[in-house]
C-alpha atoms as a PDB file:
ATOM      1  CA  MET A   1       3.404 -11.922   4.663  1.00  0.00           C
ATOM      2  CA  THR A   2       5.540 -10.954   1.645  1.00  0.00           C
ATOM      3  CA  GLU A   3       8.054  -8.225   2.388  1.00  0.00           C
ATOM      4  CA  ARG A   4       7.171  -4.845   0.892  1.00  0.00           C
ATOM      5  CA  LEU A   5       9.075  -3.923  -2.248  1.00  0.00           C
ATOM      6  CA  VAL A   6       8.836  -0.131  -1.936  1.00  0.00           C
ATOM      7  CA  PRO A   7      10.981   1.385   0.812  1.00  0.00           C
ATOM      8  CA  ALA A   8       9.458   3.918   3.186  1.00  0.00           C
ATOM      9  CA  GLY A   9      10.393   7.487   2.341  1.00  0.00           C
ATOM     10  CA  LEU A  10      10.781   6.897  -1.394  1.00  0.00           C
ATOM     11  CA  HIS A  11       9.246   9.724  -3.397  1.00  0.00           C
ATOM     12  CA  ALA A  12       9.553   9.292  -7.169  1.00  0.00           C
ATOM     13  CA  THR A  13       7.783   8.177 -10.351  1.00  0.00           C
ATOM     14  CA  LEU A  14       7.965   4.859 -12.167  1.00  0.00           C
ATOM     15  CA  VAL A  15       6.688   4.583 -15.744  1.00  0.00           C
ATOM     16  CA  LEU A  16       5.808   1.333 -17.538  1.00  0.00           C
ATOM     17  CA  LEU A  17       5.771   1.384 -21.356  1.00  0.00           C
ATOM     18  CA  ARG A  18       4.686  -1.657 -23.316  1.00  0.00           C
ATOM     19  CA  HIS A  19       6.356  -2.324 -26.655  1.00  0.00           C
ATOM     20  CA  GLY A  20       4.793  -1.530 -30.029  1.00  0.00           C
ATOM     21  CA  GLU A  21       3.209  -3.958 -32.454  1.00  0.00           C
ATOM     22  CA  SER A  22       5.509  -6.814 -33.427  1.00  0.00           C
ATOM     23  CA  VAL A  23       5.580  -9.007 -36.491  1.00  0.00           C
ATOM     24  CA  ALA A  24       4.257 -11.920 -34.410  1.00  0.00           C
ATOM     25  CA  ILE A  25       1.208  -9.856 -33.450  1.00  0.00           C
ATOM     26  CA  THR A  26       0.470  -9.045 -37.095  1.00  0.00           C
ATOM     27  CA  GLU A  27       0.630 -12.785 -37.809  1.00  0.00           C
ATOM     28  CA  GLY A  28      -1.669 -13.637 -34.885  1.00  0.00           C
ATOM     29  CA  ARG A  29       0.935 -15.758 -33.117  1.00  0.00           C
ATOM     30  CA  PHE A  30       1.515 -16.343 -29.414  1.00  0.00           C
ATOM     31  CA  GLN A  31       4.659 -14.505 -28.471  1.00  0.00           C
ATOM     32  CA  GLY A  32       5.949 -15.109 -24.989  1.00  0.00           C
ATOM     33  CA  ARG A  33       9.701 -14.998 -25.542  1.00  0.00           C
ATOM     34  CA  LEU A  34       9.468 -15.477 -29.291  1.00  0.00           C
ATOM     35  CA  ASP A  35      11.752 -12.699 -30.548  1.00  0.00           C
ATOM     36  CA  THR A  36      10.302 -10.914 -33.562  1.00  0.00           C
ATOM     37  CA  PRO A  37      10.967  -7.269 -34.491  1.00  0.00           C
ATOM     38  CA  LEU A  38       8.550  -4.373 -34.473  1.00  0.00           C
ATOM     39  CA  SER A  39       6.306  -4.095 -37.511  1.00  0.00           C
ATOM     40  CA  PRO A  40       6.355  -0.791 -39.440  1.00  0.00           C
ATOM     41  CA  LEU A  41       3.256   0.196 -37.486  1.00  0.00           C
ATOM     42  CA  GLY A  42       4.965  -0.797 -34.234  1.00  0.00           C
ATOM     43  CA  GLU A  43       7.924   1.424 -35.077  1.00  0.00           C
ATOM     44  CA  ARG A  44       5.592   4.379 -35.559  1.00  0.00           C
ATOM     45  CA  GLN A  45       3.754   3.588 -32.318  1.00  0.00           C
ATOM     46  CA  ALA A  46       7.076   3.575 -30.467  1.00  0.00           C
ATOM     47  CA  GLU A  47       8.044   6.956 -31.935  1.00  0.00           C
ATOM     48  CA  LEU A  48       4.725   8.462 -30.855  1.00  0.00           C
ATOM     49  CA  ALA A  49       5.011   7.005 -27.358  1.00  0.00           C
ATOM     50  CA  GLY A  50       8.519   8.409 -26.991  1.00  0.00           C
ATOM     51  CA  ASP A  51       7.348  11.841 -28.096  1.00  0.00           C
ATOM     52  CA  ARG A  52       4.526  11.688 -25.532  1.00  0.00           C
ATOM     53  CA  LEU A  53       6.957  10.920 -22.714  1.00  0.00           C
ATOM     54  CA  ALA A  54       9.292  13.683 -23.864  1.00  0.00           C
ATOM     55  CA  HIS A  55       6.513  16.304 -23.778  1.00  0.00           C
ATOM     56  CA  PRO A  56       4.437  15.604 -20.635  1.00  0.00           C
ATOM     57  CA  GLY A  57       3.133  19.170 -20.489  1.00  0.00           C
ATOM     58  CA  ARG A  58       1.496  18.949 -23.899  1.00  0.00           C
ATOM     59  CA  PRO A  59      -2.314  18.760 -23.575  1.00  0.00           C
ATOM     60  CA  PRO A  60      -3.635  16.540 -22.237  1.00  0.00           C
ATOM     61  CA  GLN A  61      -0.898  16.787 -19.608  1.00  0.00           C
ATOM     62  CA  ILE A  62       0.411  13.647 -17.950  1.00  0.00           C
ATOM     63  CA  ALA A  63       1.743  13.327 -14.396  1.00  0.00           C
ATOM     64  CA  LEU A  64       5.388  13.085 -15.333  1.00  0.00           C
ATOM     65  CA  PRO A  65       8.336  15.351 -14.426  1.00  0.00           C
ATOM     66  CA  ALA A  66       9.535  17.434 -17.387  1.00  0.00           C
ATOM     67  CA  VAL A  67      13.099  16.113 -17.032  1.00  0.00           C
ATOM     68  CA  ALA A  68      15.001  13.133 -18.379  1.00  0.00           C
ATOM     69  CA  PRO A  69      14.549   9.817 -16.545  1.00  0.00           C
ATOM     70  CA  ILE A  70      17.439   8.602 -14.441  1.00  0.00           C
ATOM     71  CA  GLU A  71      17.391   5.304 -16.334  1.00  0.00           C
ATOM     72  CA  ILE A  72      15.623   3.388 -19.082  1.00  0.00           C
ATOM     73  CA  ALA A  73      15.541  -0.361 -18.472  1.00  0.00           C
ATOM     74  CA  CYS A  74      14.055  -2.699 -21.057  1.00  0.00           C
ATOM     75  CA  SER A  75      13.400  -6.326 -21.794  1.00  0.00           C
ATOM     76  CA  PRO A  76      16.208  -7.768 -23.951  1.00  0.00           C
ATOM     77  CA  LEU A  77      13.654  -8.952 -26.543  1.00  0.00           C
ATOM     78  CA  GLY A  78      13.865  -7.014 -29.805  1.00  0.00           C
ATOM     79  CA  ARG A  79      10.375  -5.513 -29.771  1.00  0.00           C
ATOM     80  CA  ALA A  80      10.934  -4.000 -26.331  1.00  0.00           C
ATOM     81  CA  ALA A  81      14.525  -2.925 -26.993  1.00  0.00           C
ATOM     82  CA  ALA A  82      13.495  -1.113 -30.187  1.00  0.00           C
ATOM     83  CA  THR A  83      10.630   0.621 -28.370  1.00  0.00           C
ATOM     84  CA  ALA A  84      13.042   1.685 -25.632  1.00  0.00           C
ATOM     85  CA  GLU A  85      15.485   3.059 -28.218  1.00  0.00           C
ATOM     86  CA  ALA A  86      12.705   5.123 -29.803  1.00  0.00           C
ATOM     87  CA  ALA A  87      11.688   6.519 -26.421  1.00  0.00           C
ATOM     88  CA  ALA A  88      15.309   7.276 -25.499  1.00  0.00           C
ATOM     89  CA  ALA A  89      15.854   9.125 -28.784  1.00  0.00           C
ATOM     90  CA  ALA A  90      12.763  11.278 -28.232  1.00  0.00           C
ATOM     91  CA  LEU A  91      13.826  12.092 -24.666  1.00  0.00           C
ATOM     92  CA  ARG A  92      17.389  12.942 -25.732  1.00  0.00           C
ATOM     93  CA  ALA A  93      16.043  15.271 -28.425  1.00  0.00           C
ATOM     94  CA  VAL A  94      14.376  17.310 -25.684  1.00  0.00           C
ATOM     95  CA  HIS A  95      16.705  16.905 -22.705  1.00  0.00           C
ATOM     96  CA  GLY A  96      20.082  16.558 -24.404  1.00  0.00           C
ATOM     97  CA  ALA A  97      22.434  13.867 -25.607  1.00  0.00           C
ATOM     98  CA  SER A  98      23.518  13.000 -22.076  1.00  0.00           C
ATOM     99  CA  GLY A  99      20.174  11.314 -21.393  1.00  0.00           C
ATOM    100  CA  PRO A 100      20.223   7.617 -20.475  1.00  0.00           C
ATOM    101  CA  ARG A 101      20.561   4.868 -23.058  1.00  0.00           C
ATOM    102  CA  PRO A 102      18.377   1.778 -22.667  1.00  0.00           C
ATOM    103  CA  ARG A 103      19.760  -0.870 -20.336  1.00  0.00           C
ATOM    104  CA  PRO A 104      18.746  -4.513 -20.971  1.00  0.00           C
ATOM    105  CA  GLU A 105      17.102  -5.974 -17.875  1.00  0.00           C
ATOM    106  CA  PRO A 106      16.519  -9.757 -17.992  1.00  0.00           C
ATOM    107  CA  ALA A 107      13.861  -9.510 -15.258  1.00  0.00           C
ATOM    108  CA  LEU A 108      11.636  -7.650 -17.753  1.00  0.00           C
ATOM    109  CA  LEU A 109      11.508 -10.602 -20.152  1.00  0.00           C
ATOM    110  CA  GLU A 110       8.009 -11.690 -21.057  1.00  0.00           C
ATOM    111  CA  ILE A 111       6.478 -14.702 -19.330  1.00  0.00           C
ATOM    112  CA  GLY A 112       7.629 -17.833 -21.149  1.00  0.00           C
ATOM    113  CA  GLN A 113       4.816 -19.649 -22.968  1.00  0.00           C
ATOM    114  CA  GLY A 114       6.613 -22.891 -23.811  1.00  0.00           C
ATOM    115  CA  PRO A 115       5.359 -24.728 -26.918  1.00  0.00           C
ATOM    116  CA  TRP A 116       2.611 -22.123 -27.489  1.00  0.00           C
ATOM    117  CA  GLU A 117       5.188 -19.611 -28.660  1.00  0.00           C
ATOM    118  CA  GLY A 118       5.071 -19.112 -32.420  1.00  0.00           C
ATOM    119  CA  LEU A 119       1.778 -20.953 -32.859  1.00  0.00           C
ATOM    120  CA  GLU A 120      -1.332 -19.281 -34.215  1.00  0.00           C
ATOM    121  CA  ARG A 121      -4.206 -18.878 -31.788  1.00  0.00           C
ATOM    122  CA  SER A 122      -6.282 -21.533 -33.589  1.00  0.00           C
ATOM    123  CA  GLU A 123      -3.391 -24.022 -33.289  1.00  0.00           C
ATOM    124  CA  VAL A 124      -3.067 -23.443 -29.555  1.00  0.00           C
ATOM    125  CA  GLU A 125      -6.822 -23.837 -29.072  1.00  0.00           C
ATOM    126  CA  ALA A 126      -6.859 -27.068 -31.074  1.00  0.00           C
ATOM    127  CA  ARG A 127      -3.804 -28.686 -29.483  1.00  0.00           C
ATOM    128  CA  TYR A 128      -3.867 -27.243 -25.964  1.00  0.00           C
ATOM    129  CA  GLY A 129      -7.499 -26.305 -25.421  1.00  0.00           C
ATOM    130  CA  ALA A 130      -7.764 -27.528 -21.828  1.00  0.00           C
ATOM    131  CA  GLU A 131      -4.460 -25.946 -20.785  1.00  0.00           C
ATOM    132  CA  LEU A 132      -5.365 -22.655 -22.444  1.00  0.00           C
ATOM    133  CA  GLU A 133      -8.718 -22.559 -20.672  1.00  0.00           C
ATOM    134  CA  ALA A 134      -7.017 -23.267 -17.345  1.00  0.00           C
ATOM    135  CA  TRP A 135      -4.557 -20.414 -17.997  1.00  0.00           C
ATOM    136  CA  ARG A 136      -7.473 -18.073 -18.648  1.00  0.00           C
ATOM    137  CA  ARG A 137      -9.396 -19.136 -15.555  1.00  0.00           C
ATOM    138  CA  SER A 138      -6.594 -19.691 -13.052  1.00  0.00           C
ATOM    139  CA  PRO A 139      -3.301 -18.181 -14.273  1.00  0.00           C
ATOM    140  CA  HIS A 140      -1.692 -18.305 -10.836  1.00  0.00           C
ATOM    141  CA  THR A 141      -1.937 -22.121 -10.746  1.00  0.00           C
ATOM    142  CA  SER A 142      -1.842 -23.004 -14.467  1.00  0.00           C
ATOM    143  CA  ASN A 143       0.520 -22.284 -17.342  1.00  0.00           C
ATOM    144  CA  ALA A 144       1.561 -23.439 -20.786  1.00  0.00           C
ATOM    145  CA  PRO A 145       3.199 -26.896 -20.663  1.00  0.00           C
ATOM    146  CA  GLY A 146       6.833 -26.250 -19.907  1.00  0.00           C
ATOM    147  CA  GLY A 147       6.189 -22.507 -19.700  1.00  0.00           C
ATOM    148  CA  GLU A 148       6.952 -20.143 -16.857  1.00  0.00           C
ATOM    149  CA  LEU A 149       4.773 -20.157 -13.758  1.00  0.00           C
ATOM    150  CA  LEU A 150       3.511 -16.806 -12.472  1.00  0.00           C
ATOM    151  CA  VAL A 151       5.212 -17.484  -9.151  1.00  0.00           C
ATOM    152  CA  GLU A 152       8.506 -17.794 -11.031  1.00  0.00           C
ATOM    153  CA  ALA A 153       7.905 -14.534 -12.888  1.00  0.00           C
ATOM    154  CA  ASP A 154       6.953 -12.881  -9.607  1.00  0.00           C
ATOM    155  CA  ARG A 155      10.165 -14.128  -8.016  1.00  0.00           C
ATOM    156  CA  ARG A 156      12.442 -12.648 -10.707  1.00  0.00           C
ATOM    157  CA  VAL A 157      10.516  -9.364 -10.713  1.00  0.00           C
ATOM    158  CA  ARG A 158      10.805  -9.032  -6.932  1.00  0.00           C
ATOM    159  CA  ALA A 159      14.529  -9.771  -7.130  1.00  0.00           C
ATOM    160  CA  ALA A 160      15.140  -6.950  -9.632  1.00  0.00           C
ATOM    161  CA  LEU A 161      12.792  -4.151  -8.547  1.00  0.00           C
ATOM    162  CA  PRO A 162      14.634  -3.199  -5.317  1.00  0.00           C
ATOM    163  CA  ALA A 163      17.691  -2.132  -7.334  1.00  0.00           C
ATOM    164  CA  VAL A 164      15.506  -0.010  -9.639  1.00  0.00           C
ATOM    165  CA  LEU A 165      13.878   1.667  -6.652  1.00  0.00           C
ATOM    166  CA  ASP A 166      17.212   2.125  -4.896  1.00  0.00           C
ATOM    167  CA  ARG A 167      18.607   3.990  -7.909  1.00  0.00           C
ATOM    168  CA  LEU A 168      15.579   6.288  -7.776  1.00  0.00           C
ATOM    169  CA  ALA A 169      16.193   6.938  -4.083  1.00  0.00           C
ATOM    170  CA  ARG A 170      19.883   7.670  -4.641  1.00  0.00           C
ATOM    171  CA  SER A 171      18.989  10.110  -7.432  1.00  0.00           C
ATOM    172  CA  GLY A 172      17.033  12.367  -5.128  1.00  0.00           C
ATOM    173  CA  GLY A 173      13.835  10.397  -4.887  1.00  0.00           C
ATOM    174  CA  ARG A 174      13.491  10.659  -1.120  1.00  0.00           C
ATOM    175  CA  ALA A 175      11.056  12.951   0.610  1.00  0.00           C
ATOM    176  CA  PRO A 176      12.078  14.897   3.732  1.00  0.00           C
ATOM    177  CA  VAL A 177      10.425  13.753   6.927  1.00  0.00           C
ATOM    178  CA  GLU A 178       8.093  16.764   7.031  1.00  0.00           C
ATOM    179  CA  ALA A 179       6.841  15.943   3.542  1.00  0.00           C
ATOM    180  CA  THR A 180       5.558  12.446   4.251  1.00  0.00           C
ATOM    181  CA  SER A 181       1.949  11.706   3.437  1.00  0.00           C
ATOM    182  CA  ALA A 182      -0.792   9.137   3.479  1.00  0.00           C
ATOM    183  CA  SER A 183      -1.280   6.954   0.441  1.00  0.00           C
ATOM    184  CA  GLY A 184      -2.909   8.880  -2.386  1.00  0.00           C
ATOM    185  CA  TYR A 185      -2.033  12.324  -1.040  1.00  0.00           C
ATOM    186  CA  PRO A 186       1.197  13.721  -2.483  1.00  0.00           C
ATOM    187  CA  PRO A 187       3.519  15.705  -0.232  1.00  0.00           C
ATOM    188  CA  PRO A 188       3.819  19.476  -0.774  1.00  0.00           C
ATOM    189  CA  THR A 189       7.072  19.147  -2.718  1.00  0.00           C
ATOM    190  CA  SER A 190       7.626  16.840  -5.654  1.00  0.00           C
ATOM    191  CA  SER A 191      10.668  14.850  -6.719  1.00  0.00           C
ATOM    192  CA  PRO A 192      11.787  14.994 -10.362  1.00  0.00           C
ATOM    193  CA  ALA A 193      13.311  11.519 -10.162  1.00  0.00           C
ATOM    194  CA  TRP A 194      11.673   9.013 -12.471  1.00  0.00           C
ATOM    195  CA  SER A 195      12.589   5.802 -14.273  1.00  0.00           C
ATOM    196  CA  LEU A 196      11.218   4.172 -17.404  1.00  0.00           C
ATOM    197  CA  LEU A 197      10.683   0.421 -17.761  1.00  0.00           C
ATOM    198  CA  VAL A 198       9.915  -0.932 -21.244  1.00  0.00           C
ATOM    199  CA  GLY A 199       8.519  -4.429 -21.450  1.00  0.00           C
ATOM    200  CA  HIS A 200       5.533  -6.661 -22.047  1.00  0.00           C
ATOM    201  CA  ASP A 201       1.908  -7.098 -21.090  1.00  0.00           C
ATOM    202  CA  GLY A 202       2.371 -10.249 -19.027  1.00  0.00           C
ATOM    203  CA  VAL A 203       5.416  -9.222 -17.001  1.00  0.00           C
ATOM    204  CA  PHE A 204       3.935  -5.752 -16.426  1.00  0.00           C
ATOM    205  CA  LYS A 205       0.825  -7.357 -14.949  1.00  0.00           C
ATOM    206  CA  VAL A 206       3.087  -9.171 -12.482  1.00  0.00           C
ATOM    207  CA  ILE A 207       5.037  -5.994 -11.676  1.00  0.00           C
ATOM    208  CA  LEU A 208       1.881  -4.001 -11.022  1.00  0.00           C
ATOM    209  CA  LEU A 209       0.460  -6.690  -8.758  1.00  0.00           C
ATOM    210  CA  ALA A 210       3.731  -6.818  -6.830  1.00  0.00           C
ATOM    211  CA  LEU A 211       3.980  -3.054  -6.369  1.00  0.00           C
ATOM    212  CA  LEU A 212       0.321  -2.760  -5.340  1.00  0.00           C
ATOM    213  CA  GLU A 213       0.627  -5.770  -3.026  1.00  0.00           C
ATOM    214  CA  LEU A 214      -2.142  -7.677  -4.810  1.00  0.00           C
ATOM    215  CA  PRO A 215      -2.252 -11.482  -5.166  1.00  0.00           C
ATOM    216  CA  LEU A 216      -1.265 -13.229  -8.387  1.00  0.00           C
ATOM    217  CA  ASP A 217      -4.802 -14.540  -8.891  1.00  0.00           C
ATOM    218  CA  ARG A 218      -5.642 -10.947  -9.960  1.00  0.00           C
ATOM    219  CA  PHE A 219      -3.385 -11.347 -12.990  1.00  0.00           C
ATOM    220  CA  TRP A 220      -6.087 -10.508 -15.547  1.00  0.00           C
ATOM    221  CA  THR A 221      -7.129  -7.335 -13.697  1.00  0.00           C
ATOM    222  CA  PHE A 222      -4.846  -5.051 -15.707  1.00  0.00           C
ATOM    223  CA  SER A 223      -4.344  -4.774 -19.452  1.00  0.00           C
ATOM    224  CA  PHE A 224      -1.497  -3.063 -21.282  1.00  0.00           C
ATOM    225  CA  GLY A 225      -2.205  -2.009 -24.869  1.00  0.00           C
ATOM    226  CA  LEU A 226       0.527  -1.646 -27.455  1.00  0.00           C
ATOM    227  CA  THR A 227       2.734   1.264 -26.277  1.00  0.00           C
ATOM    228  CA  GLY A 228       0.328   1.815 -23.389  1.00  0.00           C
ATOM    229  CA  ILE A 229       1.829   4.138 -20.755  1.00  0.00           C
ATOM    230  CA  THR A 230       1.269   3.526 -17.031  1.00  0.00           C
ATOM    231  CA  ILE A 231       2.452   6.101 -14.491  1.00  0.00           C
ATOM    232  CA  LEU A 232       3.035   5.069 -10.882  1.00  0.00           C
ATOM    233  CA  ALA A 233       3.667   7.851  -8.377  1.00  0.00           C
ATOM    234  CA  ILE A 234       5.446   6.780  -5.218  1.00  0.00           C
ATOM    235  CA  HIS A 235       4.762   8.997  -2.197  1.00  0.00           C
ATOM    236  CA  ASP A 236       6.543   8.130   1.027  1.00  0.00           C
ATOM    237  CA  GLY A 237       6.785   4.521  -0.087  1.00  0.00           C
ATOM    238  CA  HIS A 238       3.119   4.260  -1.136  1.00  0.00           C
ATOM    239  CA  VAL A 239       2.383   3.434  -4.772  1.00  0.00           C
ATOM    240  CA  VAL A 240      -0.395   5.470  -6.400  1.00  0.00           C
ATOM    241  CA  VAL A 241      -1.603   4.698  -9.941  1.00  0.00           C
ATOM    242  CA  ARG A 242      -1.715   8.162 -11.515  1.00  0.00           C
ATOM    243  CA  ALA A 243      -2.511   6.862 -15.007  1.00  0.00           C
ATOM    244  CA  HIS A 244      -2.903   3.446 -16.579  1.00  0.00           C
ATOM    245  CA  ASN A 245      -2.632   2.300 -20.192  1.00  0.00           C
ATOM    246  CA  LEU A 246      -2.583   5.784 -21.744  1.00  0.00           C
ATOM    247  CA  LEU A 247      -2.943   5.522 -25.529  1.00  0.00           C
ATOM    248  CA  ASP A 248      -3.835   9.061 -26.617  1.00  0.00           C
ATOM    249  CA  HIS A 249      -0.464   9.382 -28.352  1.00  0.00           C
ATOM    250  CA  LEU A 250      -1.740   6.922 -30.988  1.00  0.00           C
ATOM    251  CA  ALA A 251      -4.465   9.345 -32.106  1.00  0.00           C
ATOM    252  CA  PRO A 252      -2.557  10.267 -35.316  1.00  0.00           C
ATOM    253  CA  LEU A 253      -2.912   6.627 -36.381  1.00  0.00           C
ATOM    254  CA  GLN A 254      -6.636   6.417 -35.700  1.00  0.00           C
ATOM    255  CA  ALA A 255      -7.848   7.328 -39.184  1.00  0.00           C
ATOM    256  CA  ASP A 256      -6.303   4.280 -40.819  1.00  0.00           C
ATOM    257  CA  SER A 257      -5.759   2.045 -37.796  1.00  0.00           C
ATOM    258  CA  ALA A 258      -6.637  -1.592 -37.368  1.00  0.00           C
ATOM    259  CA  PRO A 259      -8.557  -2.586 -34.207  1.00  0.00           C
ATOM    260  CA  ALA A 260      -5.397  -4.142 -32.744  1.00  0.00           C
ATOM    261  CA  ILE A 261      -3.879  -0.688 -32.256  1.00  0.00           C
ATOM    262  CA  TRP A 262      -6.463   0.211 -29.641  1.00  0.00           C
ATOM    263  CA  ALA A 263      -7.683  -3.089 -28.234  1.00  0.00           C
ATOM    264  CA  ALA A 264      -6.184  -4.547 -25.088  1.00  0.00           C
ATOM    265  CA  PRO A 265      -4.835  -8.083 -25.510  1.00  0.00           C
ATOM    266  CA  ARG A 266      -7.351 -10.829 -24.950  1.00  0.00           C
ATOM    267  CA  GLU A 267      -6.776 -13.291 -22.176  1.00  0.00           C
ATOM    268  CA  GLY A 268      -4.540 -16.053 -23.417  1.00  0.00           C
ATOM    269  CA  SER A 269      -4.076 -14.302 -26.753  1.00  0.00           C
ATOM    270  CA  GLY A 270      -0.895 -14.162 -28.766  1.00  0.00           C
ATOM    271  CA  ALA A 271      -0.210 -10.736 -27.285  1.00  0.00           C
ATOM    272  CA  LEU A 272       1.643 -12.240 -24.323  1.00  0.00           C
END
């Protein structure tokens, strides 16, 4: 049995924020580790997401402490780094200039898609139809030729998460013995310690499966929309999904939005 990632006694909050729309998405290209910047729309999405995180008490309230995170870790790819910078700026505007600056974390890199990266969806379907179908049906045993296997992504995620969780614990994210609880039932006191991870749809799927102790064959179970916010509450070492893929902060864009703003990425689409 795989060793548990979350230490007993940890009491904190972990937030996952996917990046905004990138230029590759506007062009309908597979991304993977293709490094393209945020589009103008993606920049606005990132600003709105940062403002949402900075004002958790604004209706509709979100289950997030009204304090600055102890750290902001992000994928080194430009679209994630720019989204993290926007979120950090919004948080500093509320909590002060001493708030954390984004820290590049290689483990948050998107899953590598090999020769699919940069190709339009129609090109991938024409040239790699069988491999693409296998990836859709059995992602834990199939991948793009020369791309990263899910087991490899899972390995790097599991190697990096303990340090993230340890920093939460050392920042006050430990519950006293009398405050322990069963999974899903928060203890009577709450910890303000929380961390923000900014990354990608594919790697976030792997992270969520790892934290919830679910097998990799459930890869397609969760979707992360552009700047979707997922809030994971950790009570006495048990991970509870308090919110997943929140997108209400994009409401100001709804009047003139394209469907891609709201839609979750399709399986095997260029969103990865």
